[in-house]
Amino acid sequence: MSLLIVTYRTSSAMFNCYQKKMILYRTFILLIAMLFISAASCAQKILSVDEAIANALQKNYGIILAKNDSAIAAIDYSYRNAAFLPQLNGNAGIAWTNNNQTQTLSDGSKRNKNGLKSDNINAQLALKWTLFDGLKMFATRNKFKELLLLGELKIREQIESTVATVINNYYNIVQQKQQLKVIEEQMSIDSERVKLAQYRLDIGSGAKPDVLQSKIDLNAEKAMQLQQQALIEQLKEQLNQAMGIPQFTTYDVNDVIDINTNIALSDVLNVSEKNNPSLLIAKKNIDIAHITLKETKASLWPTLSFNSAYNFNSTNNQTVINTFSTLFNLVNGYNYGFTATIPILNNFNTRRLIKQANWDIQYKGLVYENQQSVTALNVINAFQSYEHQQKALALEEENILLAKENLDIVFQTYKLSAATLLQLKAAQQSLQDAYNRLIQARYNAKVSETELMRLSGQLVK
């Protein structure tokens, strides 16, 4: 009996000594980790989400291409008043002739001459000014203005879409970075399990399978760490492409996902009706369709034009076959007048085009109504996800505390050999699952918030 007591006290003393060593070891590891983290932070610049957005607004290829497309409409708009200006054309020509000519006159006499050479110079300056065309020129001018506004709306839509992509990519990296911390925390626990299992085996109170299983679990976590690090690097490259910056640019991101918890569904629905870029584009297409109808209807009206020309014609004949023919002839002068073109029948082509324009207006109206329905549906779905993820977030915040406390209790009892390895692994898995759900809920809530801001046109002020 006394031998058992001595053995028990010896084991307890050795176990207490082991605990002290483990505390010193964990403290040392923590200090080393803090030094590495500090060095990494100094080496890599922290990229904020605002900086990522600013880079994208300047260099994203989608935005640049949208601006280039809009530039074409801007050029047309700068020449909008050209529809009211006259057309002025100049023509000039010179011709040399060399003819052989034979004539038989009424009295029976004949004339024959070879090598009749002449030079002819002509020039004309013609002016045509449409004074009335059924007001088509006014409609064309207004159409250029609407096309310019449409181009600006398409740029805005592209910017909103790009900014949403950048935000989602950025916070996806933050999410995966948080997942990496969870894996590293599990690695720390598994590493301590390996040491504890090995210590028990060394003193004869443990089992070899516990050591092997603990090492297997640690290696599995190390493999997951490598996969997670690779995933983070891939996501950074995707963000680089969205920002339009060179690949392999090194930086770090923040650790926190900020969520706006004060969004109301009614506010988003009201604002999206007025600011949603897709809705505004659909509405602008209706305006353009109405102007196209006015242009088409203008073809039913007469066209009145002012015409004027200055003409110059000079003919120089070196020889003539008739004595009464001119050797030199010069004509120059100007003329002017009005021309009225009255449409009478053109195979009902204008009527056909008018019907098509009316149908196009109805079609664009249906597109707008459909876009309204789709936008409202997307807003409702995004808001429901936003609310659900916030509730899940609050629940998982509570679960994390419970899972941490549970793991701490099981781990301490495992150290005292009062809990099995399976119980400890179950507690670890429970904590890891709680972390995964918490991190995913944060990210999903942020994605829903971003989508709500995009749909309401408030993502870019």
Protein backbone atom coordinates (compact mmCIF):
# COMPACT_ATOMS: atom_id res chain seq x y z
CA MET A 1 0.00 0.00 0.00
CA SER A 2 2.77 2.40 0.91
CA LEU A 3 4.46 1.53 -2.39
CA LEU A 4 1.30 2.55 -4.27
CA ILE A 5 1.13 5.86 -2.40
CA VAL A 6 4.77 6.60 -3.20
CA THR A 7 4.20 5.71 -6.84
CA TYR A 8 1.10 7.95 -6.99
CA ARG A 9 2.93 10.88 -5.38
CA THR A 10 5.85 10.41 -7.73
CA SER A 11 3.51 10.39 -10.75
CA SER A 12 1.68 13.49 -9.46
CA ALA A 13 4.95 15.33 -8.94
CA MET A 14 6.12 14.38 -12.44
CA PHE A 15 2.77 15.46 -13.91
CA ASN A 16 2.95 18.84 -12.09
CA CYS A 17 6.47 19.28 -13.39
CA TYR A 18 5.18 18.48 -16.89
CA GLN A 19 2.42 21.08 -16.54
CA LYS A 20 4.94 23.74 -15.55
CA LYS A 21 7.13 22.84 -18.51
CA MET A 22 4.13 23.01 -20.83
CA ILE A 23 3.18 26.45 -19.50
CA LEU A 24 6.73 27.70 -20.13
CA TYR A 25 6.72 26.06 -23.54
CA ARG A 26 3.39 27.61 -24.57
CA THR A 27 4.55 31.00 -23.32
CA PHE A 28 7.73 30.68 -25.40
CA ILE A 29 5.80 29.61 -28.49
CA LEU A 30 3.38 32.52 -28.02
CA LEU A 31 6.25 35.02 -27.81
CA ILE A 32 7.86 33.56 -30.94
CA ALA A 33 4.52 33.71 -32.79
CA MET A 34 4.02 37.33 -31.75
CA LEU A 35 7.50 38.19 -33.04
CA PHE A 36 6.78 36.49 -36.38
CA ILE A 37 3.42 38.25 -36.66
CA SER A 38 5.04 41.60 -35.86
CA ALA A 39 7.78 41.02 -38.44
CA ALA A 40 5.23 39.97 -41.07
CA SER A 41 3.13 43.05 -40.35
CA CYS A 42 6.14 45.29 -40.83
CA ALA A 43 7.09 43.50 -44.05
CA GLN A 44 3.65 43.64 -45.64
CA LYS A 45 1.50 46.69 -46.07
CA ILE A 46 -2.04 46.44 -44.75
CA LEU A 47 -4.46 47.06 -47.61
CA SER A 48 -7.77 48.56 -46.48
CA VAL A 49 -11.02 47.94 -48.33
CA ASP A 50 -11.22 51.65 -49.24
CA GLU A 51 -7.77 51.47 -50.83
CA ALA A 52 -8.81 48.36 -52.76
CA ILE A 53 -11.89 50.19 -54.06
CA ALA A 54 -9.80 53.25 -55.00
CA ASN A 55 -7.40 51.07 -57.00
CA ALA A 56 -10.29 49.42 -58.82
CA LEU A 57 -11.92 52.74 -59.70
CA GLN A 58 -8.68 53.86 -61.35
CA LYS A 59 -7.40 50.70 -62.99
CA ASN A 60 -10.15 48.09 -63.36
CA TYR A 61 -10.40 47.03 -67.01
CA GLY A 62 -14.19 46.72 -66.94
CA ILE A 63 -14.57 50.34 -65.82
CA ILE A 64 -12.01 51.57 -68.35
CA LEU A 65 -13.79 49.75 -71.20
CA ALA A 66 -17.16 51.15 -70.09
CA LYS A 67 -15.69 54.67 -70.14
CA ASN A 68 -14.31 54.11 -73.62
CA ASP A 69 -17.74 53.01 -74.86
CA SER A 70 -19.29 56.11 -73.31
CA ALA A 71 -16.69 58.31 -75.01
CA ILE A 72 -18.29 57.48 -78.38
CA ALA A 73 -21.63 58.87 -77.17
CA ALA A 74 -19.81 61.92 -75.80
CA ILE A 75 -18.31 62.59 -79.24
CA ASP A 76 -21.76 62.36 -80.87
CA TYR A 77 -23.16 64.72 -78.24
CA SER A 78 -20.42 67.29 -78.87
CA TYR A 79 -21.65 67.46 -82.50
CA ARG A 80 -25.35 67.53 -81.58
CA ASN A 81 -25.96 70.94 -83.21
CA ALA A 82 -24.42 69.81 -86.50
CA ALA A 83 -27.86 68.54 -87.54
CA PHE A 84 -28.94 72.19 -87.98
CA LEU A 85 -25.98 73.16 -90.19
CA PRO A 86 -26.00 73.13 -94.01
CA GLN A 87 -24.03 70.72 -96.17
CA LEU A 88 -21.36 72.27 -98.40
CA ASN A 89 -19.59 70.20 -101.04
CA GLY A 90 -17.00 71.13 -103.64
CA ASN A 91 -16.44 69.34 -106.94
CA ALA A 92 -13.67 69.91 -109.49
CA GLY A 93 -12.53 68.12 -112.64
CA ILE A 94 -10.46 68.40 -115.76
CA ALA A 95 -10.76 66.39 -118.97
CA TRP A 96 -8.71 66.17 -122.16
CA THR A 97 -10.25 64.85 -125.39
CA ASN A 98 -8.83 63.87 -128.76
CA ASN A 99 -11.52 62.97 -131.33
CA ASN A 100 -11.85 62.15 -135.01
CA GLN A 101 -15.04 63.59 -136.49
CA THR A 102 -16.90 63.12 -139.83
CA GLN A 103 -20.00 65.18 -140.74
CA THR A 104 -22.42 65.04 -143.70
CA LEU A 105 -24.41 68.27 -144.06
CA SER A 106 -27.90 68.72 -145.56
CA ASP A 107 -26.50 70.08 -148.82
CA GLY A 108 -24.57 66.88 -149.32
CA SER A 109 -21.19 68.32 -148.49
CA LYS A 110 -18.91 66.34 -146.16
CA ARG A 111 -16.36 67.37 -143.57
CA ASN A 112 -13.75 65.11 -142.12
CA LYS A 113 -11.25 66.08 -139.40
CA ASN A 114 -8.87 64.04 -137.27
CA GLY A 115 -7.13 65.06 -134.04
CA LEU A 116 -9.78 67.42 -132.66
CA LYS A 117 -8.29 68.23 -129.24
CA SER A 118 -10.00 70.11 -126.43
CA ASP A 119 -9.53 70.81 -122.73
CA ASN A 120 -12.40 71.10 -120.26
CA ILE A 121 -12.13 72.43 -116.74
CA ASN A 122 -15.13 72.46 -114.39
CA ALA A 123 -15.65 73.26 -110.73
CA GLN A 124 -18.69 73.57 -108.47
CA LEU A 125 -19.37 74.65 -104.90
CA ALA A 126 -22.81 73.33 -103.83
CA LEU A 127 -24.75 74.24 -100.69
CA LYS A 128 -27.75 72.34 -99.32
CA TRP A 129 -29.46 73.51 -96.15
CA THR A 130 -32.43 71.61 -94.79
CA LEU A 131 -34.82 74.16 -93.31
CA PHE A 132 -37.60 71.80 -92.29
CA ASP A 133 -37.64 68.00 -92.03
CA GLY A 134 -40.60 67.33 -89.79
CA LEU A 135 -38.55 68.37 -86.70
CA LYS A 136 -36.33 65.32 -87.14
CA MET A 137 -33.19 67.36 -86.55
CA PHE A 138 -34.48 68.42 -83.10
CA ALA A 139 -35.25 64.80 -82.21
CA THR A 140 -31.78 63.73 -83.34
CA ARG A 141 -30.17 66.39 -81.16
CA ASN A 142 -32.17 65.23 -78.12
CA LYS A 143 -31.32 61.62 -78.87
CA PHE A 144 -27.61 62.38 -78.69
CA LYS A 145 -28.17 63.85 -75.23
CA GLU A 146 -30.08 60.80 -74.03
CA LEU A 147 -27.43 58.44 -75.43
CA LEU A 148 -24.78 60.37 -73.50
CA LEU A 149 -26.77 59.97 -70.28
CA LEU A 150 -27.24 56.27 -71.08
CA GLY A 151 -23.48 55.88 -71.41
CA GLU A 152 -22.95 57.53 -68.03
CA LEU A 153 -25.49 55.17 -66.44
CA LYS A 154 -23.70 52.17 -67.92
CA ILE A 155 -20.42 53.41 -66.46
CA ARG A 156 -22.12 53.78 -63.10
CA GLU A 157 -23.56 50.27 -63.35
CA GLN A 158 -20.11 48.88 -64.16
CA ILE A 159 -18.57 50.81 -61.25
CA GLU A 160 -21.20 49.52 -58.80
CA SER A 161 -20.66 45.95 -60.01
CA THR A 162 -16.88 46.25 -59.82
CA VAL A 163 -16.91 47.78 -56.34
CA ALA A 164 -19.22 45.00 -55.11
CA THR A 165 -16.83 42.41 -56.57
CA VAL A 166 -13.84 44.06 -54.91
CA ILE A 167 -15.59 44.24 -51.52
CA ASN A 168 -16.71 40.61 -51.68
CA ASN A 169 -13.24 39.44 -52.76
CA TYR A 170 -11.58 41.50 -50.04
CA TYR A 171 -13.76 40.16 -47.25
CA ASN A 172 -13.47 36.64 -48.63
CA ILE A 173 -9.74 36.95 -47.99
CA VAL A 174 -10.51 38.23 -44.48
CA GLN A 175 -12.84 35.26 -43.98
CA GLN A 176 -10.22 32.76 -45.10
CA LYS A 177 -7.62 34.50 -42.96
CA GLN A 178 -9.87 34.03 -39.93
CA GLN A 179 -10.30 30.37 -40.92
CA LEU A 180 -6.51 30.07 -41.01
CA LYS A 181 -6.31 31.36 -37.43
CA VAL A 182 -8.83 28.72 -36.36
CA ILE A 183 -6.71 26.00 -38.00
CA GLU A 184 -3.59 27.31 -36.29
CA GLU A 185 -5.40 27.33 -32.95
CA GLN A 186 -6.38 23.71 -33.52
CA MET A 187 -2.77 22.94 -34.43
CA SER A 188 -1.65 24.40 -31.11
CA ILE A 189 -4.07 22.12 -29.26
CA ASP A 190 -3.05 19.09 -31.34
CA SER A 191 0.62 19.85 -30.73
CA GLU A 192 0.02 19.92 -26.99
CA ARG A 193 -1.95 16.68 -27.30
CA VAL A 194 1.04 15.03 -28.99
CA LYS A 195 3.39 16.12 -26.22
CA LEU A 196 0.98 15.06 -23.51
CA ALA A 197 0.33 11.68 -25.13
CA GLN A 198 4.07 11.12 -25.60
CA TYR A 199 4.73 12.07 -21.97
CA ARG A 200 2.11 9.62 -20.75
CA LEU A 201 3.59 6.91 -22.90
CA ASP A 202 7.06 7.64 -21.54
CA ILE A 203 5.95 7.34 -17.90
CA GLY A 204 3.96 4.23 -18.64
CA SER A 205 0.45 5.62 -18.16
CA GLY A 206 -0.40 6.21 -21.83
CA ALA A 207 -0.99 4.20 -24.97
CA LYS A 208 0.83 4.22 -28.30
CA PRO A 209 -2.39 4.66 -30.37
CA ASP A 210 -3.10 7.95 -28.54
CA VAL A 211 0.31 9.24 -29.59
CA LEU A 212 -0.15 8.10 -33.17
CA GLN A 213 -3.68 9.49 -33.45
CA SER A 214 -2.56 12.83 -32.00
CA LYS A 215 0.26 13.04 -34.56
CA ILE A 216 -2.13 12.12 -37.37
CA ASP A 217 -4.53 14.87 -36.29
CA LEU A 218 -1.66 17.38 -36.08
CA ASN A 219 -0.42 16.49 -39.57
CA ALA A 220 -3.95 16.78 -40.91
CA GLU A 221 -4.19 20.30 -39.46
CA LYS A 222 -0.81 21.18 -40.98
CA ALA A 223 -2.08 20.02 -44.39
CA MET A 224 -5.20 22.12 -43.93
CA GLN A 225 -2.99 25.08 -43.02
CA LEU A 226 -1.05 24.73 -46.28
CA GLN A 227 -4.28 24.47 -48.30
CA GLN A 228 -5.70 27.52 -46.54
CA GLN A 229 -2.55 29.56 -47.19
CA ALA A 230 -2.67 28.59 -50.88
CA LEU A 231 -6.36 29.57 -51.05
CA ILE A 232 -5.60 32.98 -49.53
CA GLU A 233 -2.88 33.60 -52.11
CA GLN A 234 -5.25 32.62 -54.94
CA LEU A 235 -7.92 34.99 -53.61
CA LYS A 236 -5.37 37.78 -53.41
CA GLU A 237 -4.53 37.26 -57.08
CA GLN A 238 -8.24 37.51 -57.92
CA LEU A 239 -8.40 40.75 -55.96
CA ASN A 240 -5.30 42.02 -57.78
CA GLN A 241 -7.02 41.41 -61.10
CA ALA A 242 -10.19 43.19 -59.94
CA MET A 243 -8.10 46.15 -58.73
CA GLY A 244 -6.11 46.23 -61.96
CA ILE A 245 -2.75 46.02 -60.17
CA PRO A 246 0.20 43.74 -61.09
CA GLN A 247 -0.02 40.09 -60.12
CA PHE A 248 2.02 38.85 -57.14
CA THR A 249 1.69 42.22 -55.42
CA THR A 250 2.21 41.49 -51.72
CA TYR A 251 0.01 42.95 -48.99
CA ASP A 252 -2.08 41.90 -46.05
CA VAL A 253 -5.72 42.60 -45.24
CA ASN A 254 -7.52 43.56 -42.06
CA ASP A 255 -8.76 40.91 -39.66
CA VAL A 256 -12.23 42.31 -39.01
CA ILE A 257 -15.44 42.19 -41.07
CA ASP A 258 -17.46 45.31 -40.25
CA ILE A 259 -21.22 44.93 -40.73
CA ASN A 260 -23.82 47.69 -40.89
CA THR A 261 -26.70 46.42 -38.75
CA ASN A 262 -29.05 49.39 -39.32
CA ILE A 263 -30.38 48.68 -42.83
CA ALA A 264 -34.19 48.75 -43.22
CA LEU A 265 -35.98 46.93 -46.05
CA SER A 266 -38.39 49.80 -46.79
CA ASP A 267 -35.50 52.25 -47.16
CA VAL A 268 -33.65 50.01 -49.61
CA LEU A 269 -36.78 49.39 -51.71
CA ASN A 270 -37.54 53.11 -51.93
CA VAL A 271 -33.99 54.10 -52.80
CA SER A 272 -33.51 51.29 -55.33
CA GLU A 273 -36.56 52.52 -57.26
CA LYS A 274 -34.76 55.84 -57.81
CA ASN A 275 -31.07 54.90 -57.87
CA ASN A 276 -30.69 51.33 -59.12
CA PRO A 277 -28.46 51.62 -62.25
CA SER A 278 -30.18 48.77 -64.10
CA LEU A 279 -33.59 50.38 -63.54
CA LEU A 280 -32.31 53.77 -64.64
CA ILE A 281 -30.82 52.24 -67.80
CA ALA A 282 -34.12 50.50 -68.61
CA LYS A 283 -35.97 53.77 -68.07
CA LYS A 284 -33.53 55.71 -70.24
CA ASN A 285 -34.01 53.17 -73.04
CA ILE A 286 -37.74 54.01 -72.97
CA ASP A 287 -36.91 57.72 -73.41
CA ILE A 288 -34.64 56.91 -76.34
CA ALA A 289 -37.34 54.73 -77.93
CA HIS A 290 -39.81 57.65 -77.77
CA ILE A 291 -37.30 59.92 -79.51
CA THR A 292 -36.70 57.26 -82.17
CA LEU A 293 -40.45 57.25 -82.82
CA LYS A 294 -40.37 61.04 -83.33
CA GLU A 295 -37.51 60.65 -85.81
CA THR A 296 -39.47 58.04 -87.72
CA LYS A 297 -42.68 60.08 -87.80
CA ALA A 298 -40.75 63.03 -89.21
CA SER A 299 -40.50 61.11 -92.51
CA LEU A 300 -44.26 61.68 -93.01
CA TRP A 301 -43.73 65.44 -93.33
CA PRO A 302 -42.46 67.36 -96.39
CA THR A 303 -38.81 68.40 -96.43
CA LEU A 304 -37.87 71.96 -97.38
CA SER A 305 -34.30 72.69 -98.39
CA PHE A 306 -32.39 75.74 -99.57
CA ASN A 307 -30.01 74.99 -102.45
CA SER A 308 -27.27 77.14 -103.90
CA ALA A 309 -24.25 76.54 -106.11
CA TYR A 310 -21.38 78.37 -107.76
CA ASN A 311 -20.32 76.86 -111.12
CA PHE A 312 -17.23 77.29 -113.23
CA ASN A 313 -16.76 75.64 -116.66
CA SER A 314 -14.02 76.32 -119.19
CA THR A 315 -13.66 74.61 -122.60
CA ASN A 316 -10.70 75.17 -124.91
CA ASN A 317 -10.84 73.64 -128.44
CA GLN A 318 -7.56 73.71 -130.32
CA THR A 319 -9.25 73.05 -133.68
CA VAL A 320 -12.90 72.82 -134.85
CA ILE A 321 -14.52 71.16 -137.81
CA ASN A 322 -17.11 73.94 -138.34
CA THR A 323 -16.25 77.57 -138.72
CA PHE A 324 -19.14 78.58 -136.46
CA SER A 325 -17.96 76.37 -133.57
CA THR A 326 -16.28 78.11 -130.58
CA LEU A 327 -12.60 77.72 -129.88
CA PHE A 328 -12.92 78.88 -126.27
CA ASN A 329 -15.96 78.87 -123.98
CA LEU A 330 -16.11 80.04 -120.33
CA VAL A 331 -19.19 79.84 -118.13
CA ASN A 332 -19.23 80.85 -114.47
CA GLY A 333 -21.89 82.06 -112.03
CA TYR A 334 -24.14 81.02 -109.20
CA ASN A 335 -27.69 79.85 -108.67
CA TYR A 336 -29.99 79.39 -105.71
CA GLY A 337 -33.46 78.20 -104.93
CA PHE A 338 -35.67 76.03 -102.74
CA THR A 339 -36.57 72.38 -103.01
CA ALA A 340 -39.59 70.78 -101.42
CA THR A 341 -39.79 67.00 -101.17
CA ILE A 342 -43.27 65.73 -100.43
CA PRO A 343 -43.61 62.06 -99.48
CA ILE A 344 -46.49 60.49 -101.35
CA LEU A 345 -45.88 56.76 -101.53
CA ASN A 346 -42.83 54.73 -100.50
CA ASN A 347 -44.39 51.26 -100.27
CA PHE A 348 -45.70 52.10 -96.78
CA ASN A 349 -42.17 51.76 -95.45
CA THR A 350 -42.55 54.73 -93.09
CA ARG A 351 -45.79 53.33 -91.66
CA ARG A 352 -44.02 50.03 -91.06
CA LEU A 353 -41.15 51.73 -89.26
CA ILE A 354 -43.58 53.71 -87.10
CA LYS A 355 -45.36 50.53 -86.04
CA GLN A 356 -42.02 48.95 -85.18
CA ALA A 357 -41.04 52.00 -83.14
CA ASN A 358 -44.32 51.82 -81.19
CA TRP A 359 -43.78 48.14 -80.50
CA ASP A 360 -40.24 48.92 -79.36
CA ILE A 361 -41.60 51.43 -76.84
CA GLN A 362 -43.97 48.79 -75.46
CA TYR A 363 -41.12 46.27 -75.35
CA LYS A 364 -38.83 48.67 -73.48
CA GLY A 365 -41.69 49.35 -71.06
CA LEU A 366 -42.05 45.62 -70.36
CA VAL A 367 -38.28 45.36 -69.86
CA TYR A 368 -38.47 48.16 -67.31
CA GLU A 369 -41.36 46.54 -65.44
CA ASN A 370 -39.54 43.21 -65.43
CA GLN A 371 -36.40 44.91 -64.13
CA GLN A 372 -38.47 46.50 -61.37
CA SER A 373 -39.79 43.09 -60.36
CA VAL A 374 -36.35 41.47 -60.50
CA THR A 375 -34.76 44.28 -58.50
CA ALA A 376 -37.45 44.16 -55.81
CA LEU A 377 -37.06 40.37 -55.60
CA ASN A 378 -33.28 40.65 -55.32
CA VAL A 379 -33.60 43.29 -52.61
CA ILE A 380 -36.03 41.14 -50.59
CA ASN A 381 -33.85 38.03 -50.95
CA ALA A 382 -30.70 39.92 -50.01
CA PHE A 383 -32.41 41.50 -47.01
CA GLN A 384 -33.77 38.17 -45.79
CA SER A 385 -30.27 36.70 -46.05
CA TYR A 386 -28.90 39.79 -44.30
CA GLU A 387 -31.35 39.39 -41.38
CA HIS A 388 -30.86 35.62 -41.19
CA GLN A 389 -27.07 35.90 -41.10
CA GLN A 390 -27.24 38.53 -38.38
CA LYS A 391 -29.36 36.22 -36.23
CA ALA A 392 -27.01 33.34 -36.98
CA LEU A 393 -24.09 35.61 -36.11
CA ALA A 394 -25.55 36.43 -32.69
CA LEU A 395 -26.23 32.74 -32.04
CA GLU A 396 -22.75 31.65 -33.07
CA GLU A 397 -21.16 34.35 -30.91
CA GLU A 398 -22.82 32.65 -27.96
CA ASN A 399 -21.90 29.18 -29.24
CA ILE A 400 -18.22 30.12 -29.46
CA LEU A 401 -18.12 30.93 -25.74
CA LEU A 402 -19.83 27.64 -24.92
CA ALA A 403 -17.56 25.62 -27.22
CA LYS A 404 -14.42 27.24 -25.80
CA GLU A 405 -15.50 26.56 -22.24
CA ASN A 406 -16.42 22.99 -23.15
CA LEU A 407 -13.04 22.37 -24.79
CA ASP A 408 -11.19 23.87 -21.84
CA ILE A 409 -13.04 21.60 -19.39
CA VAL A 410 -12.54 18.47 -21.50
CA PHE A 411 -8.88 19.29 -22.10
CA GLN A 412 -8.20 19.77 -18.40
CA THR A 413 -9.97 16.53 -17.53
CA TYR A 414 -8.06 14.81 -20.35
CA LYS A 415 -4.82 15.96 -18.79
CA LEU A 416 -5.96 14.31 -15.56
CA SER A 417 -6.85 11.14 -17.51
CA ALA A 418 -10.53 11.67 -16.65
CA ALA A 419 -11.58 12.08 -20.32
CA THR A 420 -10.88 10.01 -23.41
CA LEU A 421 -9.13 11.10 -26.59
CA LEU A 422 -12.42 10.75 -28.49
CA GLN A 423 -14.13 13.16 -26.08
CA LEU A 424 -11.32 15.68 -26.57
CA LYS A 425 -11.49 15.34 -30.36
CA ALA A 426 -15.26 15.81 -30.24
CA ALA A 427 -14.82 18.99 -28.19
CA GLN A 428 -12.18 20.25 -30.65
CA GLN A 429 -14.40 19.52 -33.63
CA SER A 430 -17.32 21.24 -31.93
CA LEU A 431 -15.23 24.39 -31.43
CA GLN A 432 -13.95 24.28 -35.01
CA ASP A 433 -17.48 23.87 -36.38
CA ALA A 434 -18.69 26.79 -34.26
CA TYR A 435 -15.85 28.95 -35.57
CA ASN A 436 -16.63 27.96 -39.17
CA ARG A 437 -20.30 28.84 -38.78
CA LEU A 438 -19.45 32.13 -37.08
CA ILE A 439 -16.96 33.20 -39.74
CA GLN A 440 -19.30 32.13 -42.56
CA ALA A 441 -22.20 34.03 -40.99
CA ARG A 442 -20.07 37.19 -40.78
CA TYR A 443 -19.04 36.92 -44.41
CA ASN A 444 -22.54 36.10 -45.64
CA ALA A 445 -23.96 39.07 -43.71
CA LYS A 446 -21.35 41.34 -45.34
CA VAL A 447 -22.10 39.97 -48.81
CA SER A 448 -25.83 40.57 -48.26
CA GLU A 449 -25.14 44.09 -47.03
CA THR A 450 -22.97 44.80 -50.09
CA GLU A 451 -25.66 43.44 -52.40
CA LEU A 452 -28.30 45.64 -50.75
CA MET A 453 -26.11 48.70 -51.24
CA ARG A 454 -25.46 47.75 -54.85
CA LEU A 455 -29.13 47.21 -55.64
CA SER A 456 -30.03 50.55 -54.06
CA GLY A 457 -27.28 52.34 -55.99
CA GLN A 458 -25.59 53.50 -52.78
CA LEU A 459 -22.39 51.49 -53.02
CA VAL A 460 -20.57 54.42 -54.66
CA LYS A 461 -21.52 57.91 -53.53
